[in-house]
Protein backbone atom coordinates (compact mmCIF):
# COMPACT_ATOMS: atom_id res chain seq x y z
CA UNK A 1 162.89 92.60 45.06
CA UNK A 2 166.02 95.00 43.78
CA UNK A 3 167.61 97.19 46.24
CA UNK A 4 166.01 100.88 46.23
CA UNK A 5 168.32 103.83 46.07
CA UNK A 6 166.26 107.02 46.37
CA UNK A 7 169.42 108.56 44.64
CA UNK A 8 169.41 106.09 42.05
CA UNK A 9 165.75 106.95 41.08
CA UNK A 10 166.63 110.28 39.70
CA UNK A 11 168.04 108.23 36.57
CA UNK A 12 165.36 105.67 37.09
CA UNK A 13 164.76 104.80 33.22
CA UNK A 14 168.99 103.59 33.63
CA UNK A 15 168.75 101.80 36.86
CA UNK A 16 164.75 100.60 37.44
CA UNK A 17 163.43 100.21 34.05
CA UNK A 18 162.29 96.73 34.50
CA UNK A 19 160.82 98.10 37.61
CA UNK A 20 158.95 100.66 36.02
CA UNK A 21 157.65 98.33 33.96
CA UNK A 22 156.51 95.71 35.54
CA UNK A 23 154.76 97.89 37.65
CA UNK A 24 152.78 99.87 34.71
CA UNK A 25 152.04 96.19 33.32
CA UNK A 26 150.80 94.95 36.76
CA UNK A 27 148.54 97.85 37.26
CA UNK A 28 147.01 97.85 34.27
CA UNK A 29 146.45 93.68 34.40
CA UNK A 30 144.56 94.63 37.54
CA UNK A 31 141.82 96.68 35.92
CA UNK A 32 141.59 94.71 32.02
CA UNK A 33 138.52 93.11 32.40
CA UNK A 34 137.19 95.16 35.09
CA UNK A 35 136.94 98.38 33.37
CA UNK A 36 136.07 99.43 29.93
CA UNK A 37 138.74 98.35 28.03
CA UNK A 38 139.03 101.04 25.45
CA UNK A 39 139.04 103.62 28.09
CA UNK A 40 141.86 101.94 29.73
CA UNK A 41 143.75 101.45 26.56
CA UNK A 42 143.65 105.17 25.65
CA UNK A 43 144.30 105.83 28.95
CA UNK A 44 147.74 103.93 28.75
CA UNK A 45 148.67 104.57 25.71
CA UNK A 46 147.70 108.50 25.39
CA UNK A 47 148.13 109.59 28.96
CA UNK A 48 150.65 107.16 31.10
CA UNK A 49 153.01 106.56 28.06
CA UNK A 50 153.94 110.07 28.91
CA UNK A 51 153.51 110.24 32.87
CA UNK A 52 156.55 110.27 34.69
CA UNK A 53 157.26 108.24 38.46
CA UNK A 54 158.80 110.33 40.88
CA UNK A 55 159.89 108.99 44.69
CA UNK A 56 158.43 111.44 47.12
CA UNK A 57 160.01 109.27 50.03
CA UNK A 58 159.13 107.12 52.98
CA UNK A 59 158.16 104.64 50.64
CA UNK A 60 155.76 106.66 48.77
CA UNK A 61 155.61 107.43 44.96
CA UNK A 62 153.55 109.83 43.15
CA UNK A 63 152.69 109.50 39.37
CA UNK A 64 152.67 112.64 37.47
CA UNK A 65 150.13 113.07 34.33
CA UNK A 66 151.00 115.14 31.21
CA UNK A 67 148.58 118.06 30.76
CA UNK A 68 144.55 117.79 29.56
CA UNK A 69 144.38 113.53 29.89
CA UNK A 70 140.99 114.06 28.33
CA UNK A 71 141.85 115.68 25.49
CA UNK A 72 144.76 113.37 25.20
CA UNK A 73 142.74 110.28 25.58
CA UNK A 74 140.41 111.61 23.57
CA UNK A 75 137.05 111.50 25.29
CA UNK A 76 134.17 114.03 25.90
CA UNK A 77 133.89 116.42 29.30
CA UNK A 78 131.31 114.25 30.13
CA UNK A 79 133.12 110.95 30.24
CA UNK A 80 132.68 110.20 33.95
CA UNK A 81 134.13 106.64 33.75
CA UNK A 82 137.70 108.60 32.90
CA UNK A 83 137.94 110.19 35.87
CA UNK A 84 137.47 106.95 37.75
CA UNK A 85 139.49 104.51 35.39
CA UNK A 86 142.56 107.15 35.46
CA UNK A 87 142.40 108.13 39.34
CA UNK A 88 142.34 104.03 39.73
CA UNK A 89 144.85 103.29 37.55
CA UNK A 90 147.13 105.89 38.81
CA UNK A 91 146.97 104.90 42.54
CA UNK A 92 147.70 101.45 41.43
CA UNK A 93 151.00 102.21 39.38
CA UNK A 94 152.10 104.48 42.82
CA UNK A 95 151.42 101.16 44.85
CA UNK A 96 152.39 98.36 42.57
CA UNK A 97 156.09 100.91 42.38
CA UNK A 98 156.16 101.10 46.35
CA UNK A 99 155.66 97.18 46.24
CA UNK A 100 157.87 96.25 43.77
CA UNK A 101 160.32 98.38 45.97
CA UNK A 102 159.58 96.86 49.34
CA UNK A 103 157.82 99.31 50.61
CA UNK A 104 154.06 98.01 51.11
CA UNK A 105 151.60 95.57 49.45
CA UNK A 106 149.25 96.16 46.35
CA UNK A 107 145.86 95.59 46.82
C-alpha cells in the first residue's frame, strides 16, 4: 500500500498514476459480467476516460464526471440501466481509491 499524501494527490498523475489505474481497473472488473458489457464499455471509454478523481479529506474520494455523460456514452435518455451502471461504477472507483490508499475496504 503506497504512503498517501493529500498534497501529492494534487499532482495525482505524477505521483499516483499506477494506483489510479488500478482503482479504475478493479472497479471495472467488479462490474464486468454483472452488467451489460456494451454499456459498461461505453461508460468506461467515453465517460470515465475524462473523469477526474479528487481527495475530499477524511479518507473520502470523489470522482467528477464530464458534462453530458449520456450523450458521451451514446445512450438515449430512456436507458434506465445507464444511470444505475454509471452510479455503481463511480461509487466503486471512489471506494477502490480509498482502499488502495488504506482508508477502507472494498465491497
